[in-house]
Amino acid sequence: MGKKVLLGLSGGVDSAVAAVILKEQGYDVTCAFMRNWDALANNDILGNPTIQDDVCPQEADYMDAKRVADRLGLELLRVDFVKEYWDNVFTQFLDEYKKGRTPNPDILCNKYVKFDAFFKFAMEQGFDLVATGHYARVSNEGETKLLRGSDENKDQTYFLCQVPVHALAKTLFPIGDLAKPEVRRIADEWELAVAKKKDSTGICFIGERNFKQFLQNYLPAKPGIIVDINSLAQVGSHEGVLYYTIGQRRGMGIGGDHGPYFVVGKDVEKNILYVANGDENEWLLSDSCLVSGVNWFAKDKPQGELQCSAKFRYRQKDNEVTIRFIDDTTVFVKCDPAVKAVTCGQEAVFYQGECCLGGGVIDEVFYHGEALASRLEKRLANGR
């Protein structure tokens, strides 16, 4: 029997086919279903048991995972990381939103749960490796490297940029070389119950629910005004600035003859949402940014400037950038040409070709040397 692998089996088709491939490759496979969210317990923590957000279909997913494990003759463990998820993912998620930033909980989940708590659990139980159904690849020739998934449309390295390198070195991504249609074909060939299951969307603890409605449970609505930053005229009203993100176009109830409006700024203290019309307006542009908490996979960080590419959100095309470390975990990024809707709180992920170099949180964005907050303050001062 081959090396012992603990596979995170989510109840979806990707991790199910990962189990098939590991089994075919001769690994000694055990599956584990991770329970990361408990609506009732979390609401008790908040002292608000009336919140109704238990829409994540965890039990249905568990039953799907169980059917897959049974079909393949594999053991399925059920492991509980509700506390770790609350402490390290959801609490940070809420704190960032309270500051008017836009965090990525999927990246936090990979960093603190799947490749920390789950990884430690696997090692403590005597497993040699862990595996997941991510569309990514790992190379351990020389230094450990994270490589893009072969399916360009499904590549998930963006969400894996904060994985600790020691965990990455002991991780398998069995479907990383496959395209999604091939994954579906294998699942169908093995007559797996999830072969035609719809891909999950959004965040687990939200499920298919409206994102704004979910946030209102934890960050109560605080109505305010929407202001056109160019004319300084009120053009609408909002339900709370915390619910919007830079670059957002829909969901504001404004538009009309002036063309589409985009969110360009938020004043959390005054509860004002700033917008500008037209997707080519300069308020959406940034030509540099500061990125903190950078996880860098290579042992040695570049000295001086490094030309590479970056994604500032998932599925965004690669942007040519020049980066420079200004301390051990902080990078200054120059973008040429300028990039639209680079948003504080989201992740900047760096690449060279197929290799994901690492990534960190966008802390501040600049255009022509000025921070967005300073530009907004100057415009408001000049308009008075």
Protein backbone atom coordinates (compact mmCIF):
# COMPACT_ATOMS: atom_id res chain seq x y z
CA MET A 1 0.00 0.00 0.00
CA GLY A 2 1.25 3.50 -0.85
CA LYS A 3 1.62 6.57 1.33
CA LYS A 4 -1.23 7.47 3.65
CA VAL A 5 -3.26 10.42 2.36
CA LEU A 6 -6.07 12.30 4.09
CA LEU A 7 -8.33 13.80 1.42
CA GLY A 8 -10.73 16.65 2.16
CA LEU A 9 -13.97 15.32 0.67
CA SER A 10 -16.46 18.17 0.39
CA GLY A 11 -19.43 16.48 -1.24
CA GLY A 12 -18.65 18.06 -4.62
CA VAL A 13 -17.52 16.46 -7.85
CA ASP A 14 -13.94 17.82 -7.78
CA SER A 15 -12.89 16.23 -4.49
CA ALA A 16 -14.80 13.07 -5.44
CA VAL A 17 -12.72 12.64 -8.59
CA ALA A 18 -9.59 13.50 -6.57
CA ALA A 19 -10.45 10.42 -4.47
CA VAL A 20 -10.76 8.29 -7.60
CA ILE A 21 -7.38 9.40 -8.91
CA LEU A 22 -5.61 8.86 -5.58
CA LYS A 23 -7.14 5.40 -5.32
CA GLU A 24 -6.02 4.55 -8.87
CA GLN A 25 -2.51 5.83 -8.14
CA GLY A 26 -2.17 3.37 -5.26
CA TYR A 27 -2.31 5.73 -2.29
CA ASP A 28 -3.77 4.56 1.03
CA VAL A 29 -6.67 7.02 1.04
CA THR A 30 -8.87 8.12 3.92
CA CYS A 31 -11.46 10.84 3.39
CA ALA A 32 -12.50 13.60 5.77
CA PHE A 33 -15.51 15.89 5.67
CA MET A 34 -14.76 19.24 7.30
CA ARG A 35 -17.54 20.86 9.29
CA ASN A 36 -16.64 24.54 9.49
CA TRP A 37 -19.91 26.35 10.20
CA ASP A 38 -22.57 25.98 12.87
CA ALA A 39 -25.19 28.71 12.59
CA LEU A 40 -26.82 28.04 15.97
CA ALA A 41 -23.55 27.91 17.92
CA ASN A 42 -22.21 31.01 16.18
CA ASN A 43 -25.38 32.97 16.83
CA ASP A 44 -25.13 32.07 20.52
CA ILE A 45 -21.62 33.56 20.53
CA LEU A 46 -23.11 36.79 19.21
CA GLY A 47 -25.89 36.63 21.77
CA ASN A 48 -28.45 36.67 19.00
CA PRO A 49 -30.08 33.24 18.61
CA THR A 50 -32.76 34.67 16.31
CA ILE A 51 -30.41 35.05 13.33
CA GLN A 52 -31.56 32.74 10.58
CA ASP A 53 -28.47 32.05 8.46
CA ASP A 54 -28.29 28.27 8.58
CA VAL A 55 -28.72 27.89 4.84
CA CYS A 56 -25.37 26.20 4.17
CA PRO A 57 -26.42 22.70 3.07
CA GLN A 58 -23.73 20.97 5.12
CA GLU A 59 -25.75 17.88 5.93
CA ALA A 60 -26.65 17.33 2.28
CA ASP A 61 -22.99 17.78 1.34
CA TYR A 62 -21.95 15.31 4.03
CA MET A 63 -24.39 12.73 2.71
CA ASP A 64 -23.04 13.24 -0.82
CA ALA A 65 -19.49 12.79 0.50
CA LYS A 66 -20.60 9.62 2.29
CA ARG A 67 -22.10 8.20 -0.91
CA VAL A 68 -18.84 8.85 -2.76
CA ALA A 69 -16.70 7.31 -0.01
CA ASP A 70 -18.97 4.25 0.16
CA ARG A 71 -18.92 3.84 -3.63
CA LEU A 72 -15.12 3.86 -3.60
CA GLY A 73 -14.77 1.73 -0.50
CA LEU A 74 -13.03 4.46 1.47
CA GLU A 75 -13.35 5.47 5.12
CA LEU A 76 -14.92 8.88 5.75
CA LEU A 77 -14.06 10.82 8.89
CA ARG A 78 -16.07 13.81 10.07
CA VAL A 79 -13.88 16.51 11.59
CA ASP A 80 -15.06 19.68 13.29
CA PHE A 81 -13.28 23.02 12.76
CA VAL A 82 -16.16 25.32 13.69
CA LYS A 83 -14.16 27.16 16.37
CA GLU A 84 -11.10 27.57 14.15
CA TYR A 85 -13.29 28.90 11.35
CA TRP A 86 -15.06 31.36 13.64
CA ASP A 87 -11.89 32.60 15.34
CA ASN A 88 -9.62 32.89 12.31
CA VAL A 89 -11.89 33.32 9.30
CA PHE A 90 -15.31 34.72 10.11
CA THR A 91 -14.23 37.12 12.86
CA GLN A 92 -11.54 38.56 10.59
CA PHE A 93 -14.06 38.68 7.75
CA LEU A 94 -16.42 40.83 9.85
CA ASP A 95 -13.63 43.03 11.22
CA GLU A 96 -12.46 43.86 7.70
CA TYR A 97 -15.97 44.72 6.55
CA LYS A 98 -16.42 47.01 9.55
CA LYS A 99 -13.39 48.97 8.30
CA GLY A 100 -14.97 49.34 4.86
CA ARG A 101 -12.62 46.81 3.28
CA THR A 102 -13.48 43.75 1.18
CA PRO A 103 -11.85 40.55 2.51
CA ASN A 104 -11.67 37.14 0.82
CA PRO A 105 -12.83 34.47 3.29
CA ASP A 106 -11.97 31.62 0.91
CA ILE A 107 -8.29 32.58 1.12
CA LEU A 108 -8.55 32.84 4.91
CA CYS A 109 -10.22 29.41 5.05
CA ASN A 110 -7.41 27.82 3.08
CA LYS A 111 -4.78 29.53 5.22
CA TYR A 112 -6.23 28.84 8.67
CA VAL A 113 -8.49 25.81 8.27
CA LYS A 114 -7.70 23.53 5.33
CA PHE A 115 -3.93 23.98 5.36
CA ASP A 116 -3.44 24.66 9.07
CA ALA A 117 -6.03 23.02 11.34
CA PHE A 118 -6.87 20.22 8.87
CA PHE A 119 -3.21 19.75 7.94
CA LYS A 120 -2.16 19.52 11.60
CA PHE A 121 -4.97 17.03 12.26
CA ALA A 122 -3.73 14.87 9.38
CA MET A 123 -0.13 14.90 10.56
CA GLU A 124 -1.14 14.13 14.16
CA GLN A 125 -3.16 11.15 12.92
CA GLY A 126 -0.12 9.72 11.16
CA PHE A 127 -0.91 10.62 7.55
CA ASP A 128 1.97 11.33 5.18
CA LEU A 129 0.11 13.76 2.92
CA VAL A 130 -3.10 15.73 2.56
CA ALA A 131 -5.09 16.24 -0.63
CA THR A 132 -7.92 18.46 -1.86
CA GLY A 133 -9.92 18.93 -5.05
CA HIS A 134 -8.38 22.28 -5.99
CA TYR A 135 -7.44 23.05 -9.58
CA ALA A 136 -3.76 23.64 -8.91
CA ARG A 137 -0.47 21.76 -9.08
CA VAL A 138 2.55 21.37 -6.82
CA SER A 139 6.17 20.82 -7.84
CA ASN A 140 8.66 19.57 -5.25
CA GLU A 141 11.65 19.52 -7.59
CA GLY A 142 14.14 21.61 -5.67
CA GLU A 143 12.03 24.19 -3.83
CA THR A 144 8.32 23.59 -3.41
CA LYS A 145 6.36 25.53 -6.03
CA LEU A 146 2.66 26.21 -6.51
CA LEU A 147 1.70 25.97 -10.20
CA ARG A 148 -1.47 27.04 -11.95
CA GLY A 149 -4.07 24.38 -12.70
CA SER A 150 -3.99 23.15 -16.30
CA ASP A 151 -7.59 24.29 -16.84
CA GLU A 152 -7.13 28.05 -17.20
CA ASN A 153 -10.83 28.68 -16.55
CA LYS A 154 -10.78 26.76 -13.26
CA ASP A 155 -7.30 27.55 -11.88
CA GLN A 156 -7.58 28.16 -8.12
CA THR A 157 -4.05 29.18 -7.19
CA TYR A 158 -5.42 32.65 -6.37
CA PHE A 159 -7.20 31.15 -3.36
CA LEU A 160 -4.11 29.16 -2.32
CA CYS A 161 -1.63 32.04 -2.20
CA GLN A 162 -1.54 32.11 1.62
CA VAL A 163 -0.96 28.37 2.13
CA PRO A 164 2.15 27.80 4.32
CA VAL A 165 4.95 26.33 2.21
CA HIS A 166 5.56 23.47 4.68
CA ALA A 167 1.95 22.36 4.20
CA LEU A 168 2.11 22.84 0.43
CA ALA A 169 5.13 20.50 0.33
CA LYS A 170 2.95 17.70 1.70
CA THR A 171 -0.15 18.43 -0.37
CA LEU A 172 -1.54 16.67 -3.45
CA PHE A 173 -3.91 18.28 -5.95
CA PRO A 174 -4.97 15.20 -7.94
CA ILE A 175 -7.16 17.02 -10.49
CA GLY A 176 -4.71 19.84 -11.14
CA ASP A 177 -3.84 18.48 -14.58
CA LEU A 178 -7.46 17.98 -15.63
CA ALA A 179 -10.07 20.17 -17.29
CA LYS A 180 -13.52 20.34 -15.74
CA PRO A 181 -15.25 18.32 -18.51
CA GLU A 182 -12.76 15.49 -17.92
CA VAL A 183 -13.49 15.60 -14.18
CA ARG A 184 -17.20 15.26 -14.93
CA ARG A 185 -16.50 12.39 -17.34
CA ILE A 186 -14.49 10.45 -14.73
CA ALA A 187 -17.21 10.96 -12.12
CA ASP A 188 -19.81 9.68 -14.56
CA GLU A 189 -17.63 6.71 -15.52
CA TRP A 190 -17.34 5.72 -11.86
CA GLU A 191 -21.08 6.25 -11.38
CA LEU A 192 -20.54 8.71 -8.56
CA ALA A 193 -23.68 10.28 -7.15
CA VAL A 194 -22.19 13.78 -7.54
CA ALA A 195 -21.25 13.42 -11.22
CA LYS A 196 -23.80 16.01 -12.30
CA LYS A 197 -23.95 18.02 -9.07
CA LYS A 198 -23.89 21.75 -9.62
CA ASP A 199 -20.66 23.51 -8.70
CA SER A 200 -20.87 25.35 -5.39
CA THR A 201 -20.89 29.13 -5.62
CA GLY A 202 -20.22 31.82 -3.07
CA ILE A 203 -19.06 31.22 0.48
CA CYS A 204 -20.05 28.10 2.41
CA PHE A 205 -21.61 29.89 5.36
CA ILE A 206 -23.74 31.95 2.97
CA GLY A 207 -24.59 29.25 0.44
CA GLU A 208 -26.85 30.51 -2.35
CA ARG A 209 -28.24 33.26 -0.14
CA ASN A 210 -28.14 36.96 -1.03
CA PHE A 211 -24.82 38.29 0.27
CA LYS A 212 -26.15 41.65 1.45
CA GLN A 213 -28.99 40.01 3.36
CA PHE A 214 -26.53 37.71 5.08
CA LEU A 215 -24.24 40.59 6.12
CA GLN A 216 -27.20 42.49 7.56
CA ASN A 217 -27.50 39.76 10.22
CA TYR A 218 -24.06 40.63 11.57
CA LEU A 219 -23.53 44.22 10.39
CA PRO A 220 -26.91 45.96 10.82
CA ALA A 221 -28.15 48.21 8.03
CA LYS A 222 -27.35 51.91 8.40
CA PRO A 223 -29.00 53.88 5.56
CA GLY A 224 -27.12 56.82 4.07
CA ILE A 225 -26.62 58.81 0.89
CA ILE A 226 -24.88 58.09 -2.40
CA VAL A 227 -22.86 61.03 -3.75
CA ASP A 228 -21.47 61.56 -7.26
CA ILE A 229 -17.82 62.39 -6.58
CA ASN A 230 -17.58 64.57 -9.69
CA SER A 231 -20.64 66.77 -9.15
CA LEU A 232 -20.86 66.21 -5.36
CA ALA A 233 -24.61 65.87 -5.83
CA GLN A 234 -26.66 63.23 -4.05
CA VAL A 235 -27.74 60.68 -6.64
CA GLY A 236 -29.33 58.05 -4.44
CA SER A 237 -29.42 56.34 -1.08
CA HIS A 238 -27.87 53.13 0.24
CA GLU A 239 -28.56 50.63 3.01
CA GLY A 240 -25.06 50.77 4.50
CA VAL A 241 -21.64 51.54 3.01
CA LEU A 242 -20.22 48.31 4.44
CA TYR A 243 -22.25 46.26 1.97
CA TYR A 244 -20.58 47.73 -1.14
CA THR A 245 -17.18 47.22 -2.74
CA ILE A 246 -14.97 49.39 -4.94
CA GLY A 247 -15.82 48.90 -8.60
CA GLN A 248 -19.32 47.61 -7.88
CA ARG A 249 -21.83 48.56 -10.56
CA ARG A 250 -25.08 46.81 -9.75
CA GLY A 251 -27.36 46.87 -6.73
CA MET A 252 -27.37 50.63 -6.06
CA GLY A 253 -30.62 51.55 -7.82
CA ILE A 254 -29.05 54.46 -9.73
CA GLY A 255 -28.11 55.01 -13.36
CA GLY A 256 -30.33 56.88 -15.77
CA ASP A 257 -29.10 59.14 -18.56
CA HIS A 258 -25.60 59.53 -17.17
CA GLY A 259 -24.64 55.91 -17.84
CA PRO A 260 -23.64 53.27 -15.32
CA TYR A 261 -22.34 54.36 -11.93
CA PHE A 262 -19.50 52.56 -10.14
CA VAL A 263 -18.54 52.64 -6.47
CA VAL A 264 -15.27 54.57 -6.15
CA GLY A 265 -15.04 55.31 -2.42
CA LYS A 266 -16.59 54.83 1.02
CA ASP A 267 -16.61 57.05 4.07
CA VAL A 268 -17.40 54.61 6.87
CA GLU A 269 -17.57 57.23 9.63
CA LYS A 270 -19.95 59.54 7.74
CA ASN A 271 -21.74 56.61 6.07
CA ILE A 272 -21.42 58.10 2.58
CA LEU A 273 -21.00 56.03 -0.57
CA TYR A 274 -19.15 57.77 -3.42
CA VAL A 275 -19.77 56.86 -7.05
CA ALA A 276 -18.66 58.00 -10.49
CA ASN A 277 -20.26 57.33 -13.84
CA GLY A 278 -18.56 55.50 -16.72
CA ASP A 279 -16.27 52.48 -16.50
CA GLU A 280 -13.32 54.50 -17.84
CA ASN A 281 -13.38 57.17 -15.12
CA GLU A 282 -10.08 57.87 -13.36
CA TRP A 283 -11.57 57.29 -9.91
CA LEU A 284 -11.51 53.57 -10.65
CA LEU A 285 -7.84 53.52 -11.65
CA SER A 286 -4.71 52.82 -9.61
CA ASP A 287 -1.14 52.57 -10.82
CA SER A 288 0.43 51.31 -7.59
CA CYS A 289 -0.55 49.70 -4.32
CA LEU A 290 0.83 48.52 -1.01
CA VAL A 291 0.40 44.82 -0.22
CA SER A 292 0.96 43.47 3.31
CA GLY A 293 1.10 40.06 4.96
CA VAL A 294 2.73 38.59 1.88
CA ASN A 295 3.22 34.82 1.83
CA TRP A 296 6.16 34.08 -0.49
CA PHE A 297 6.69 30.47 -1.52
CA ALA A 298 10.35 30.71 -2.52
CA LYS A 299 12.94 30.58 0.25
CA ASP A 300 14.68 33.73 -0.93
CA LYS A 301 12.82 36.93 -1.69
CA PRO A 302 13.89 39.00 -4.72
CA GLN A 303 16.45 41.71 -4.15
CA GLY A 304 15.45 44.98 -5.76
CA GLU A 305 12.64 45.11 -8.30
CA LEU A 306 11.02 42.06 -9.89
CA GLN A 307 8.90 42.12 -13.02
CA CYS A 308 6.03 39.66 -12.87
CA SER A 309 2.25 39.58 -13.23
CA ALA A 310 -0.51 39.96 -10.67
CA LYS A 311 -4.19 39.25 -10.19
CA PHE A 312 -6.06 41.63 -7.91
CA ARG A 313 -9.19 39.45 -7.89
CA TYR A 314 -10.11 35.93 -8.92
CA ARG A 315 -10.61 35.36 -12.67
CA GLN A 316 -9.06 38.73 -13.47
CA LYS A 317 -6.61 38.66 -16.35
CA ASP A 318 -2.94 38.90 -15.45
CA ASN A 319 -1.65 42.46 -15.05
CA GLU A 320 1.99 43.28 -15.73
CA VAL A 321 3.54 44.70 -12.55
CA THR A 322 6.87 45.51 -10.94
CA ILE A 323 7.18 44.61 -7.27
CA ARG A 324 9.67 45.46 -4.56
CA PHE A 325 9.79 44.13 -1.01
CA ILE A 326 10.04 47.01 1.47
CA ASP A 327 10.17 44.67 4.46
CA ASP A 328 9.90 40.93 5.00
CA THR A 329 6.14 40.72 4.34
CA THR A 330 5.26 44.00 2.58
CA VAL A 331 5.46 44.65 -1.14
CA PHE A 332 5.12 47.85 -3.14
CA VAL A 333 3.48 47.14 -6.50
CA LYS A 334 3.67 49.33 -9.61
CA CYS A 335 1.12 48.69 -12.39
CA ASP A 336 1.72 49.75 -15.99
CA PRO A 337 -0.83 50.29 -17.41
CA ALA A 338 -3.08 51.32 -14.52
CA VAL A 339 -5.61 48.78 -13.24
CA LYS A 340 -9.30 49.32 -12.47
CA ALA A 341 -10.97 48.68 -9.11
CA VAL A 342 -8.00 47.48 -7.08
CA THR A 343 -9.69 47.13 -3.69
CA CYS A 344 -8.33 47.31 -0.16
CA GLY A 345 -8.86 44.09 1.76
CA GLN A 346 -8.75 41.90 -1.33
CA GLU A 347 -5.72 39.82 -2.28
CA ALA A 348 -2.94 40.62 -4.74
CA VAL A 349 -1.46 37.37 -6.06
CA PHE A 350 1.80 37.31 -8.02
CA TYR A 351 2.86 35.01 -10.87
CA GLN A 352 5.72 34.27 -13.20
CA GLY A 353 4.37 32.17 -16.01
CA GLU A 354 2.79 29.04 -14.55
CA CYS A 355 4.30 29.61 -11.11
CA CYS A 356 2.35 31.33 -8.34
CA LEU A 357 4.92 33.30 -6.35
CA GLY A 358 2.67 34.18 -3.41
CA GLY A 359 0.30 36.93 -2.37
CA GLY A 360 -0.90 39.31 0.30
CA VAL A 361 -3.65 41.74 1.29
CA ILE A 362 -4.06 45.04 -0.56
CA ASP A 363 -3.67 47.73 2.12
CA GLU A 364 -3.63 50.96 0.14
CA VAL A 365 -4.06 51.96 -3.51
CA PHE A 366 -2.52 54.95 -5.29
CA TYR A 367 -2.94 56.84 -8.54
CA HIS A 368 -0.23 59.25 -9.64
CA GLY A 369 1.29 58.96 -6.17
CA GLU A 370 -1.89 59.84 -4.25
CA ALA A 371 -3.82 57.44 -2.05
CA LEU A 372 -7.50 57.04 -2.90
CA ALA A 373 -8.54 58.43 0.49
CA SER A 374 -6.42 61.55 -0.09
CA ARG A 375 -7.85 62.04 -3.56
CA LEU A 376 -11.40 61.86 -2.19
CA GLU A 377 -10.59 64.33 0.60
CA LYS A 378 -9.03 66.77 -1.87
CA ARG A 379 -12.04 66.56 -4.20
CA LEU A 380 -14.44 67.20 -1.33
CA ALA A 381 -12.37 70.13 -0.05
CA ASN A 382 -12.23 71.72 -3.52
CA GLY A 383 -15.97 71.32 -3.93
CA ARG A 384 -16.92 73.18 -0.79
